[in-house]
PDB file of N, CA and C in Angstrom:
ATOM      1  N   UNK A   1       6.853 -22.878  13.598  1.00  0.00           N
ATOM      2  CA  UNK A   1       5.995 -21.852  14.148  1.00  0.00           C
ATOM      3  C   UNK A   1       5.622 -22.113  15.582  1.00  0.00           C
ATOM      4  N   UNK A   2       5.463 -23.371  15.905  1.00  0.00           N
ATOM      5  CA  UNK A   2       5.145 -23.872  17.229  1.00  0.00           C
ATOM      6  C   UNK A   2       6.152 -23.433  18.339  1.00  0.00           C
ATOM      7  N   UNK A   3       7.429 -23.574  17.971  1.00  0.00           N
ATOM      8  CA  UNK A   3       8.453 -23.199  18.778  1.00  0.00           C
ATOM      9  C   UNK A   3       8.774 -21.698  18.771  1.00  0.00           C
ATOM     10  N   UNK A   4       8.732 -21.043  17.692  1.00  0.00           N
ATOM     11  CA  UNK A   4       8.898 -19.681  17.533  1.00  0.00           C
ATOM     12  C   UNK A   4       7.877 -18.800  18.424  1.00  0.00           C
ATOM     13  N   UNK A   5       6.731 -19.226  18.473  1.00  0.00           N
ATOM     14  CA  UNK A   5       5.593 -18.587  19.283  1.00  0.00           C
ATOM     15  C   UNK A   5       5.263 -19.267  20.580  1.00  0.00           C
ATOM     16  N   UNK A   6       6.030 -20.294  20.885  1.00  0.00           N
ATOM     17  CA  UNK A   6       5.760 -21.042  22.113  1.00  0.00           C
ATOM     18  C   UNK A   6       4.367 -21.455  22.308  1.00  0.00           C
ATOM     19  N   UNK A   7       3.797 -22.047  21.157  1.00  0.00           N
ATOM     20  CA  UNK A   7       2.300 -22.506  21.211  1.00  0.00           C
ATOM     21  C   UNK A   7       2.272 -23.839  21.874  1.00  0.00           C
ATOM     22  N   UNK A   8       1.236 -24.077  22.537  1.00  0.00           N
ATOM     23  CA  UNK A   8       1.069 -25.446  23.086  1.00  0.00           C
ATOM     24  C   UNK A   8       0.425 -26.267  21.962  1.00  0.00           C
ATOM     25  N   UNK A   9       0.554 -27.575  22.180  1.00  0.00           N
ATOM     26  CA  UNK A   9       0.244 -28.554  21.196  1.00  0.00           C
ATOM     27  C   UNK A   9      -1.271 -28.365  20.628  1.00  0.00           C
ATOM     28  N   UNK A  10      -2.136 -28.155  21.463  1.00  0.00           N
ATOM     29  CA  UNK A  10      -3.675 -27.987  21.087  1.00  0.00           C
ATOM     30  C   UNK A  10      -3.767 -26.755  20.187  1.00  0.00           C
ATOM     31  N   UNK A  11      -3.322 -25.660  20.541  1.00  0.00           N
ATOM     32  CA  UNK A  11      -3.489 -24.483  19.782  1.00  0.00           C
ATOM     33  C   UNK A  11      -2.828 -24.632  18.375  1.00  0.00           C
ATOM     34  N   UNK A  12      -1.658 -25.204  18.415  1.00  0.00           N
ATOM     35  CA  UNK A  12      -0.871 -25.510  17.240  1.00  0.00           C
ATOM     36  C   UNK A  12      -1.575 -26.392  16.262  1.00  0.00           C
ATOM     37  N   UNK A  13      -2.124 -27.538  16.845  1.00  0.00           N
ATOM     38  CA  UNK A  13      -2.926 -28.386  16.048  1.00  0.00           C
ATOM     39  C   UNK A  13      -4.169 -27.809  15.419  1.00  0.00           C
ATOM     40  N   UNK A  14      -4.870 -27.028  16.235  1.00  0.00           N
ATOM     41  CA  UNK A  14      -6.026 -26.228  15.737  1.00  0.00           C
ATOM     42  C   UNK A  14      -5.700 -25.398  14.496  1.00  0.00           C
ATOM     43  N   UNK A  15      -4.664 -24.619  14.759  1.00  0.00           N
ATOM     44  CA  UNK A  15      -4.091 -23.635  13.606  1.00  0.00           C
ATOM     45  C   UNK A  15      -3.744 -24.404  12.397  1.00  0.00           C
ATOM     46  N   UNK A  16      -2.955 -25.445  12.611  1.00  0.00           N
ATOM     47  CA  UNK A  16      -2.562 -26.131  11.445  1.00  0.00           C
ATOM     48  C   UNK A  16      -3.695 -26.776  10.641  1.00  0.00           C
ATOM     49  N   UNK A  17      -4.574 -27.408  11.307  1.00  0.00           N
ATOM     50  CA  UNK A  17      -5.733 -27.987  10.621  1.00  0.00           C
ATOM     51  C   UNK A  17      -6.623 -26.914   9.971  1.00  0.00           C
ATOM     52  N   UNK A  18      -6.861 -25.872  10.613  1.00  0.00           N
ATOM     53  CA  UNK A  18      -7.741 -24.870  10.096  1.00  0.00           C
ATOM     54  C   UNK A  18      -7.230 -24.076   8.981  1.00  0.00           C
ATOM     55  N   UNK A  19      -5.819 -23.861   9.028  1.00  0.00           N
ATOM     56  CA  UNK A  19      -5.180 -23.127   7.901  1.00  0.00           C
ATOM     57  C   UNK A  19      -5.230 -24.189   6.680  1.00  0.00           C
ATOM     58  N   UNK A  20      -4.836 -25.407   6.829  1.00  0.00           N
ATOM     59  CA  UNK A  20      -4.811 -26.308   5.747  1.00  0.00           C
ATOM     60  C   UNK A  20      -6.179 -26.420   5.155  1.00  0.00           C
ATOM     61  N   UNK A  21      -7.175 -26.475   5.901  1.00  0.00           N
ATOM     62  CA  UNK A  21      -8.553 -26.541   5.388  1.00  0.00           C
ATOM     63  C   UNK A  21      -8.987 -25.295   4.574  1.00  0.00           C
ATOM     64  N   UNK A  22      -8.654 -24.163   5.120  1.00  0.00           N
ATOM     65  CA  UNK A  22      -8.991 -22.950   4.505  1.00  0.00           C
ATOM     66  C   UNK A  22      -8.290 -22.766   3.127  1.00  0.00           C
ATOM     67  N   UNK A  23      -6.955 -23.130   3.097  1.00  0.00           N
ATOM     68  CA  UNK A  23      -6.188 -22.910   1.896  1.00  0.00           C
ATOM     69  C   UNK A  23      -6.749 -23.991   0.863  1.00  0.00           C
ATOM     70  N   UNK A  24      -6.933 -25.260   1.308  1.00  0.00           N
ATOM     71  CA  UNK A  24      -7.518 -26.268   0.436  1.00  0.00           C
ATOM     72  C   UNK A  24      -8.834 -25.803  -0.159  1.00  0.00           C
ATOM     73  N   UNK A  25      -9.690 -25.299   0.646  1.00  0.00           N
ATOM     74  CA  UNK A  25     -11.022 -24.881   0.186  1.00  0.00           C
ATOM     75  C   UNK A  25     -10.840 -23.698  -0.803  1.00  0.00           C
ATOM     76  N   UNK A  26      -9.955 -22.816  -0.671  1.00  0.00           N
ATOM     77  CA  UNK A  26      -9.603 -21.758  -1.551  1.00  0.00           C
ATOM     78  C   UNK A  26      -9.225 -22.255  -2.853  1.00  0.00           C
ATOM     79  N   UNK A  27      -8.256 -23.274  -2.887  1.00  0.00           N
ATOM     80  CA  UNK A  27      -7.719 -23.932  -4.084  1.00  0.00           C
ATOM     81  C   UNK A  27      -8.891 -24.610  -4.914  1.00  0.00           C
ATOM     82  N   UNK A  28      -9.571 -25.472  -4.157  1.00  0.00           N
ATOM     83  CA  UNK A  28     -10.455 -26.410  -4.805  1.00  0.00           C
ATOM     84  C   UNK A  28     -11.914 -25.747  -5.082  1.00  0.00           C
ATOM     85  N   UNK A  29     -12.522 -25.074  -4.094  1.00  0.00           N
ATOM     86  CA  UNK A  29     -13.797 -24.519  -4.259  1.00  0.00           C
ATOM     87  C   UNK A  29     -13.813 -23.078  -4.804  1.00  0.00           C
ATOM     88  N   UNK A  30     -12.773 -22.339  -4.252  1.00  0.00           N
ATOM     89  CA  UNK A  30     -12.735 -20.943  -4.629  1.00  0.00           C
ATOM     90  C   UNK A  30     -12.164 -20.758  -6.085  1.00  0.00           C
ATOM     91  N   UNK A  31     -11.021 -21.221  -6.240  1.00  0.00           N
ATOM     92  CA  UNK A  31     -10.272 -21.026  -7.532  1.00  0.00           C
ATOM     93  C   UNK A  31     -10.588 -22.195  -8.533  1.00  0.00           C
ATOM     94  N   UNK A  32     -11.325 -23.199  -8.126  1.00  0.00           N
ATOM     95  CA  UNK A  32     -11.702 -24.328  -8.904  1.00  0.00           C
ATOM     96  C   UNK A  32     -10.404 -25.020  -9.577  1.00  0.00           C
ATOM     97  N   UNK A  33      -9.346 -25.030  -8.806  1.00  0.00           N
ATOM     98  CA  UNK A  33      -8.036 -25.625  -9.228  1.00  0.00           C
ATOM     99  C   UNK A  33      -7.456 -25.012 -10.471  1.00  0.00           C
ATOM    100  N   UNK A  34      -7.761 -23.747 -10.773  1.00  0.00           N
ATOM    101  CA  UNK A  34      -7.293 -23.058 -11.800  1.00  0.00           C
ATOM    102  C   UNK A  34      -5.827 -22.541 -11.455  1.00  0.00           C
ATOM    103  N   UNK A  35      -4.798 -23.020 -12.272  1.00  0.00           N
ATOM    104  CA  UNK A  35      -3.418 -22.848 -12.045  1.00  0.00           C
ATOM    105  C   UNK A  35      -3.094 -21.379 -12.209  1.00  0.00           C
ATOM    106  N   UNK A  36      -4.017 -20.606 -12.973  1.00  0.00           N
ATOM    107  CA  UNK A  36      -3.708 -19.130 -13.261  1.00  0.00           C
ATOM    108  C   UNK A  36      -4.135 -18.278 -12.125  1.00  0.00           C
ATOM    109  N   UNK A  37      -4.893 -18.769 -11.132  1.00  0.00           N
ATOM    110  CA  UNK A  37      -5.391 -18.127 -10.024  1.00  0.00           C
ATOM    111  C   UNK A  37      -4.511 -18.380  -8.732  1.00  0.00           C
ATOM    112  N   UNK A  38      -4.468 -17.294  -7.868  1.00  0.00           N
ATOM    113  CA  UNK A  38      -3.691 -17.457  -6.724  1.00  0.00           C
ATOM    114  C   UNK A  38      -4.532 -17.493  -5.451  1.00  0.00           C
ATOM    115  N   UNK A  39      -3.893 -18.058  -4.393  1.00  0.00           N
ATOM    116  CA  UNK A  39      -4.531 -18.103  -3.095  1.00  0.00           C
ATOM    117  C   UNK A  39      -3.464 -17.143  -2.257  1.00  0.00           C
ATOM    118  N   UNK A  40      -3.952 -16.178  -1.638  1.00  0.00           N
ATOM    119  CA  UNK A  40      -3.142 -15.475  -0.764  1.00  0.00           C
ATOM    120  C   UNK A  40      -3.315 -15.687   0.776  1.00  0.00           C
ATOM    121  N   UNK A  41      -2.199 -16.022   1.470  1.00  0.00           N
ATOM    122  CA  UNK A  41      -2.291 -16.349   2.999  1.00  0.00           C
ATOM    123  C   UNK A  41      -1.470 -15.331   3.615  1.00  0.00           C
ATOM    124  N   UNK A  42      -2.138 -14.559   4.580  1.00  0.00           N
ATOM    125  CA  UNK A  42      -1.498 -13.631   5.391  1.00  0.00           C
ATOM    126  C   UNK A  42      -1.637 -13.936   6.892  1.00  0.00           C
ATOM    127  N   UNK A  43      -0.683 -13.524   7.581  1.00  0.00           N
ATOM    128  CA  UNK A  43      -0.728 -13.770   8.982  1.00  0.00           C
ATOM    129  C   UNK A  43      -0.353 -12.498   9.776  1.00  0.00           C
ATOM    130  N   UNK A  44      -1.002 -12.350  11.028  1.00  0.00           N
ATOM    131  CA  UNK A  44      -0.544 -11.288  11.850  1.00  0.00           C
ATOM    132  C   UNK A  44      -0.584 -11.931  13.216  1.00  0.00           C
ATOM    133  N   UNK A  45       0.575 -11.515  14.012  1.00  0.00           N
ATOM    134  CA  UNK A  45       0.815 -12.042  15.342  1.00  0.00           C
ATOM    135  C   UNK A  45       0.970 -10.868  16.287  1.00  0.00           C
ATOM    136  N   UNK A  46       0.217 -11.020  17.380  1.00  0.00           N
ATOM    137  CA  UNK A  46       0.462 -10.005  18.477  1.00  0.00           C
ATOM    138  C   UNK A  46       0.652 -10.835  19.906  1.00  0.00           C
ATOM    139  N   UNK A  47       0.643 -10.113  20.814  1.00  0.00           N
ATOM    140  CA  UNK A  47       0.851 -10.921  22.126  1.00  0.00           C
ATOM    141  C   UNK A  47      -0.285 -11.820  22.513  1.00  0.00           C
ATOM    142  N   UNK A  48      -1.506 -11.529  22.053  1.00  0.00           N
ATOM    143  CA  UNK A  48      -2.687 -12.358  22.527  1.00  0.00           C
ATOM    144  C   UNK A  48      -3.247 -13.184  21.454  1.00  0.00           C
ATOM    145  N   UNK A  49      -2.949 -13.022  20.123  1.00  0.00           N
ATOM    146  CA  UNK A  49      -3.622 -13.803  19.131  1.00  0.00           C
ATOM    147  C   UNK A  49      -2.827 -13.903  17.837  1.00  0.00           C
ATOM    148  N   UNK A  50      -3.063 -14.925  17.079  1.00  0.00           N
ATOM    149  CA  UNK A  50      -2.574 -14.910  15.750  1.00  0.00           C
ATOM    150  C   UNK A  50      -3.837 -14.997  14.743  1.00  0.00           C
ATOM    151  N   UNK A  51      -3.665 -14.084  13.704  1.00  0.00           N
ATOM    152  CA  UNK A  51      -4.760 -14.035  12.759  1.00  0.00           C
ATOM    153  C   UNK A  51      -4.270 -14.467  11.482  1.00  0.00           C
ATOM    154  N   UNK A  52      -5.098 -15.209  10.743  1.00  0.00           N
ATOM    155  CA  UNK A  52      -4.827 -15.785   9.367  1.00  0.00           C
ATOM    156  C   UNK A  52      -5.863 -15.275   8.452  1.00  0.00           C
ATOM    157  N   UNK A  53      -5.496 -14.740   7.290  1.00  0.00           N
ATOM    158  CA  UNK A  53      -6.440 -14.332   6.178  1.00  0.00           C
ATOM    159  C   UNK A  53      -6.046 -15.242   5.030  1.00  0.00           C
ATOM    160  N   UNK A  54      -7.147 -15.886   4.379  1.00  0.00           N
ATOM    161  CA  UNK A  54      -6.957 -16.615   3.235  1.00  0.00           C
ATOM    162  C   UNK A  54      -7.869 -16.096   2.150  1.00  0.00           C
ATOM    163  N   UNK A  55      -7.404 -15.677   1.053  1.00  0.00           N
ATOM    164  CA  UNK A  55      -8.086 -15.089   0.034  1.00  0.00           C
ATOM    165  C   UNK A  55      -7.891 -15.832  -1.260  1.00  0.00           C
ATOM    166  N   UNK A  56      -9.023 -16.118  -2.004  1.00  0.00           N
ATOM    167  CA  UNK A  56      -9.014 -16.676  -3.330  1.00  0.00           C
ATOM    168  C   UNK A  56      -9.465 -15.817  -4.411  1.00  0.00           C
ATOM    169  N   UNK A  57      -9.340 -16.173  -5.653  1.00  0.00           N
ATOM    170  CA  UNK A  57      -9.662 -15.277  -6.796  1.00  0.00           C
ATOM    171  C   UNK A  57     -11.001 -15.877  -7.466  1.00  0.00           C
ATOM    172  N   UNK A  58     -11.603 -16.508  -6.700  1.00  0.00           N
ATOM    173  CA  UNK A  58     -12.994 -17.210  -7.219  1.00  0.00           C
ATOM    174  C   UNK A  58     -14.149 -16.120  -7.183  1.00  0.00           C
ATOM    175  N   UNK A  59     -15.313 -16.661  -7.500  1.00  0.00           N
ATOM    176  CA  UNK A  59     -16.552 -15.922  -7.559  1.00  0.00           C
ATOM    177  C   UNK A  59     -17.119 -15.642  -6.183  1.00  0.00           C
ATOM    178  N   UNK A  60     -16.709 -16.517  -5.218  1.00  0.00           N
ATOM    179  CA  UNK A  60     -17.284 -16.327  -3.866  1.00  0.00           C
ATOM    180  C   UNK A  60     -18.383 -17.327  -3.583  1.00  0.00           C
ATOM    181  N   UNK A  61     -18.926 -17.223  -2.442  1.00  0.00           N
ATOM    182  CA  UNK A  61     -19.926 -18.065  -2.036  1.00  0.00           C
ATOM    183  C   UNK A  61     -20.718 -17.529  -0.738  1.00  0.00           C
ATOM    184  N   UNK A  62     -21.828 -18.007  -0.350  1.00  0.00           N
ATOM    185  CA  UNK A  62     -22.640 -17.543   0.710  1.00  0.00           C
ATOM    186  C   UNK A  62     -22.400 -18.572   1.792  1.00  0.00           C
ATOM    187  N   UNK A  63     -21.628 -18.321   2.811  1.00  0.00           N
ATOM    188  CA  UNK A  63     -21.301 -19.249   3.855  1.00  0.00           C
ATOM    189  C   UNK A  63     -22.530 -19.767   4.610  1.00  0.00           C
ATOM    190  N   UNK A  64     -23.563 -19.026   4.651  1.00  0.00           N
ATOM    191  CA  UNK A  64     -24.784 -19.525   5.254  1.00  0.00           C
ATOM    192  C   UNK A  64     -25.573 -20.649   4.489  1.00  0.00           C
ATOM    193  N   UNK A  65     -25.166 -20.876   3.233  1.00  0.00           N
ATOM    194  CA  UNK A  65     -25.773 -21.763   2.392  1.00  0.00           C
ATOM    195  C   UNK A  65     -25.194 -23.271   2.502  1.00  0.00           C
ATOM    196  N   UNK A  66     -24.127 -23.361   3.344  1.00  0.00           N
ATOM    197  CA  UNK A  66     -23.416 -24.589   3.362  1.00  0.00           C
ATOM    198  C   UNK A  66     -24.301 -25.504   4.328  1.00  0.00           C
ATOM    199  N   UNK A  67     -24.631 -26.634   3.826  1.00  0.00           N
ATOM    200  CA  UNK A  67     -25.348 -27.635   4.689  1.00  0.00           C
ATOM    201  C   UNK A  67     -24.665 -27.957   5.961  1.00  0.00           C
ATOM    202  N   UNK A  68     -25.439 -28.201   7.016  1.00  0.00           N
ATOM    203  CA  UNK A  68     -24.814 -28.650   8.298  1.00  0.00           C
ATOM    204  C   UNK A  68     -24.367 -30.090   8.199  1.00  0.00           C
ATOM    205  N   UNK A  69     -23.054 -30.258   8.304  1.00  0.00           N
ATOM    206  CA  UNK A  69     -22.607 -31.707   8.236  1.00  0.00           C
ATOM    207  C   UNK A  69     -23.019 -32.607   9.416  1.00  0.00           C
ATOM    208  N   UNK A  70     -23.521 -32.041  10.367  1.00  0.00           N
ATOM    209  CA  UNK A  70     -23.938 -32.844  11.690  1.00  0.00           C
ATOM    210  C   UNK A  70     -25.236 -33.388  11.466  1.00  0.00           C
ATOM    211  N   UNK A  71     -26.061 -32.960  10.467  1.00  0.00           N
ATOM    212  CA  UNK A  71     -27.407 -33.498  10.272  1.00  0.00           C
ATOM    213  C   UNK A  71     -27.315 -34.823   9.690  1.00  0.00           C
ATOM    214  N   UNK A  72     -28.276 -35.723  10.014  1.00  0.00           N
ATOM    215  CA  UNK A  72     -28.296 -37.174   9.628  1.00  0.00           C
ATOM    216  C   UNK A  72     -28.152 -37.287   8.120  1.00  0.00           C
ATOM    217  N   UNK A  73     -28.747 -36.494   7.306  1.00  0.00           N
ATOM    218  CA  UNK A  73     -28.667 -36.632   5.863  1.00  0.00           C
ATOM    219  C   UNK A  73     -27.388 -36.254   5.284  1.00  0.00           C
ATOM    220  N   UNK A  74     -26.552 -35.632   6.092  1.00  0.00           N
ATOM    221  CA  UNK A  74     -25.191 -35.163   5.559  1.00  0.00           C
ATOM    222  C   UNK A  74     -24.071 -35.981   6.204  1.00  0.00           C
ATOM    223  N   UNK A  75     -24.289 -36.770   7.071  1.00  0.00           N
ATOM    224  CA  UNK A  75     -23.199 -37.482   7.801  1.00  0.00           C
ATOM    225  C   UNK A  75     -22.368 -38.442   6.989  1.00  0.00           C
ATOM    226  N   UNK A  76     -23.006 -38.982   5.995  1.00  0.00           N
ATOM    227  CA  UNK A  76     -22.336 -39.958   5.132  1.00  0.00           C
ATOM    228  C   UNK A  76     -21.639 -39.246   3.841  1.00  0.00           C
ATOM    229  N   UNK A  77     -21.812 -38.057   3.750  1.00  0.00           N
ATOM    230  CA  UNK A  77     -21.167 -37.281   2.613  1.00  0.00           C
ATOM    231  C   UNK A  77     -19.730 -37.186   2.815  1.00  0.00           C
ATOM    232  N   UNK A  78     -18.892 -37.345   1.783  1.00  0.00           N
ATOM    233  CA  UNK A  78     -17.447 -37.257   1.868  1.00  0.00           C
ATOM    234  C   UNK A  78     -16.898 -35.842   1.938  1.00  0.00           C
ATOM    235  N   UNK A  79     -17.662 -34.865   1.542  1.00  0.00           N
ATOM    236  CA  UNK A  79     -17.223 -33.417   1.574  1.00  0.00           C
ATOM    237  C   UNK A  79     -18.164 -32.729   2.475  1.00  0.00           C
ATOM    238  N   UNK A  80     -17.767 -31.324   2.628  1.00  0.00           N
ATOM    239  CA  UNK A  80     -18.744 -30.443   3.297  1.00  0.00           C
ATOM    240  C   UNK A  80     -18.458 -30.113   4.742  1.00  0.00           C
ATOM    241  N   UNK A  81     -17.296 -30.517   5.302  1.00  0.00           N
ATOM    242  CA  UNK A  81     -16.829 -30.366   6.658  1.00  0.00           C
ATOM    243  C   UNK A  81     -15.855 -29.348   6.833  1.00  0.00           C
ATOM    244  N   UNK A  82     -15.190 -28.737   5.848  1.00  0.00           N
ATOM    245  CA  UNK A  82     -14.151 -27.787   6.071  1.00  0.00           C
ATOM    246  C   UNK A  82     -14.540 -26.613   6.815  1.00  0.00           C
ATOM    247  N   UNK A  83     -15.515 -25.821   6.437  1.00  0.00           N
ATOM    248  CA  UNK A  83     -15.979 -24.642   7.066  1.00  0.00           C
ATOM    249  C   UNK A  83     -16.346 -24.902   8.445  1.00  0.00           C
ATOM    250  N   UNK A  84     -17.143 -25.966   8.642  1.00  0.00           N
ATOM    251  CA  UNK A  84     -17.597 -26.410   9.999  1.00  0.00           C
ATOM    252  C   UNK A  84     -16.325 -26.692  10.853  1.00  0.00           C
ATOM    253  N   UNK A  85     -15.295 -27.334  10.374  1.00  0.00           N
ATOM    254  CA  UNK A  85     -14.154 -27.536  11.199  1.00  0.00           C
ATOM    255  C   UNK A  85     -13.483 -26.251  11.495  1.00  0.00           C
ATOM    256  N   UNK A  86     -13.295 -25.421  10.572  1.00  0.00           N
ATOM    257  CA  UNK A  86     -12.634 -24.178  10.846  1.00  0.00           C
ATOM    258  C   UNK A  86     -13.349 -23.390  11.847  1.00  0.00           C
ATOM    259  N   UNK A  87     -14.626 -23.358  11.791  1.00  0.00           N
ATOM    260  CA  UNK A  87     -15.477 -22.596  12.824  1.00  0.00           C
ATOM    261  C   UNK A  87     -15.350 -23.256  14.236  1.00  0.00           C
ATOM    262  N   UNK A  88     -15.093 -24.545  14.351  1.00  0.00           N
ATOM    263  CA  UNK A  88     -14.889 -25.214  15.574  1.00  0.00           C
ATOM    264  C   UNK A  88     -13.428 -25.131  16.165  1.00  0.00           C
ATOM    265  N   UNK A  89     -12.478 -24.942  15.298  1.00  0.00           N
ATOM    266  CA  UNK A  89     -11.154 -24.892  15.595  1.00  0.00           C
ATOM    267  C   UNK A  89     -10.587 -23.423  16.017  1.00  0.00           C
ATOM    268  N   UNK A  90     -11.066 -22.521  15.165  1.00  0.00           N
ATOM    269  CA  UNK A  90     -10.616 -21.003  15.450  1.00  0.00           C
ATOM    270  C   UNK A  90     -11.461 -20.411  16.441  1.00  0.00           C
ATOM    271  N   UNK A  91     -10.980 -19.351  17.062  1.00  0.00           N
ATOM    272  CA  UNK A  91     -11.736 -18.626  18.165  1.00  0.00           C
ATOM    273  C   UNK A  91     -12.708 -17.696  17.585  1.00  0.00           C
ATOM    274  N   UNK A  92     -12.400 -17.146  16.419  1.00  0.00           N
ATOM    275  CA  UNK A  92     -13.281 -16.179  15.652  1.00  0.00           C
ATOM    276  C   UNK A  92     -13.043 -16.531  14.127  1.00  0.00           C
ATOM    277  N   UNK A  93     -14.141 -16.596  13.404  1.00  0.00           N
ATOM    278  CA  UNK A  93     -14.041 -16.721  11.910  1.00  0.00           C
ATOM    279  C   UNK A  93     -15.055 -15.780  11.377  1.00  0.00           C
ATOM    280  N   UNK A  94     -14.509 -15.161  10.225  1.00  0.00           N
ATOM    281  CA  UNK A  94     -15.438 -14.182   9.463  1.00  0.00           C
ATOM    282  C   UNK A  94     -15.078 -14.296   8.033  1.00  0.00           C
ATOM    283  N   UNK A  95     -16.067 -14.025   7.116  1.00  0.00           N
ATOM    284  CA  UNK A  95     -15.878 -14.092   5.679  1.00  0.00           C
ATOM    285  C   UNK A  95     -16.210 -12.655   5.254  1.00  0.00           C
ATOM    286  N   UNK A  96     -15.552 -12.276   4.094  1.00  0.00           N
ATOM    287  CA  UNK A  96     -15.902 -11.004   3.537  1.00  0.00           C
ATOM    288  C   UNK A  96     -17.283 -11.064   2.912  1.00  0.00           C
ATOM    289  N   UNK A  97     -17.785  -9.981   2.371  1.00  0.00           N
ATOM    290  CA  UNK A  97     -19.085  -9.998   1.860  1.00  0.00           C
ATOM    291  C   UNK A  97     -19.449 -10.936   0.745  1.00  0.00           C
ATOM    292  N   UNK A  98     -18.483 -11.314  -0.095  1.00  0.00           N
ATOM    293  CA  UNK A  98     -18.801 -12.294  -1.170  1.00  0.00           C
ATOM    294  C   UNK A  98     -18.222 -13.596  -0.951  1.00  0.00           C
ATOM    295  N   UNK A  99     -17.581 -13.838   0.222  1.00  0.00           N
ATOM    296  CA  UNK A  99     -17.085 -15.181   0.478  1.00  0.00           C
ATOM    297  C   UNK A  99     -15.630 -15.546  -0.134  1.00  0.00           C
ATOM    298  N   UNK A 100     -14.921 -14.469  -0.705  1.00  0.00           N
ATOM    299  CA  UNK A 100     -13.672 -14.856  -1.268  1.00  0.00           C
ATOM    300  C   UNK A 100     -12.462 -14.737  -0.226  1.00  0.00           C
ATOM    301  N   UNK A 101     -12.786 -14.177   0.907  1.00  0.00           N
ATOM    302  CA  UNK A 101     -11.799 -13.947   1.876  1.00  0.00           C
ATOM    303  C   UNK A 101     -12.271 -14.484   3.315  1.00  0.00           C
ATOM    304  N   UNK A 102     -11.443 -15.268   3.942  1.00  0.00           N
ATOM    305  CA  UNK A 102     -11.788 -15.777   5.286  1.00  0.00           C
ATOM    306  C   UNK A 102     -10.660 -15.325   6.317  1.00  0.00           C
ATOM    307  N   UNK A 103     -11.178 -14.863   7.430  1.00  0.00           N
ATOM    308  CA  UNK A 103     -10.238 -14.447   8.474  1.00  0.00           C
ATOM    309  C   UNK A 103     -10.539 -15.321   9.778  1.00  0.00           C
ATOM    310  N   UNK A 104      -9.451 -15.960  10.243  1.00  0.00           N
ATOM    311  CA  UNK A 104      -9.435 -16.799  11.336  1.00  0.00           C
ATOM    312  C   UNK A 104      -8.563 -16.213  12.544  1.00  0.00           C
ATOM    313  N   UNK A 105      -9.125 -16.111  13.709  1.00  0.00           N
ATOM    314  CA  UNK A 105      -8.370 -15.600  14.777  1.00  0.00           C
ATOM    315  C   UNK A 105      -8.184 -16.739  15.847  1.00  0.00           C
ATOM    316  N   UNK A 106      -7.014 -16.876  16.329  1.00  0.00           N
ATOM    317  CA  UNK A 106      -6.696 -17.922  17.418  1.00  0.00           C
ATOM    318  C   UNK A 106      -6.169 -17.103  18.486  1.00  0.00           C
ATOM    319  N   UNK A 107      -6.742 -17.295  19.741  1.00  0.00           N
ATOM    320  CA  UNK A 107      -6.193 -16.666  20.998  1.00  0.00           C
ATOM    321  C   UNK A 107      -5.081 -17.495  21.503  1.00  0.00           C
ATOM    322  N   UNK A 108      -4.002 -16.845  21.933  1.00  0.00           N
ATOM    323  CA  UNK A 108      -2.908 -17.596  22.469  1.00  0.00           C
ATOM    324  C   UNK A 108      -2.972 -18.039  23.913  1.00  0.00           C
ATOM    325  N   UNK A 109      -3.895 -17.492  24.583  1.00  0.00           N
ATOM    326  CA  UNK A 109      -4.069 -17.906  26.054  1.00  0.00           C
ATOM    327  C   UNK A 109      -5.370 -18.185  26.457  1.00  0.00           C
TER     328      UNK A 109
END
């Protein structure tokens, strides 16, 4: 992908980590590792951005209820940084109304 779309290393790294985090969250937290449930990954590319959509078949969640991993009481926890990282790496992040679908937009310039 990096060569095909002529992405610089920083943008490619951000995309790679954010997509891996989103898919991992969908598998583990969304679908609860149920092998009978699917995770759908879609992408759209235009001249100015790349959009990824990750959708799971779970019951959803409220993204505003995720504890802030930068607070002192959360810094030692082993989990809970995925959505925080995704929001820092992507240029725009949005969830559907029940939290089963995540959209990430990365600007190419």
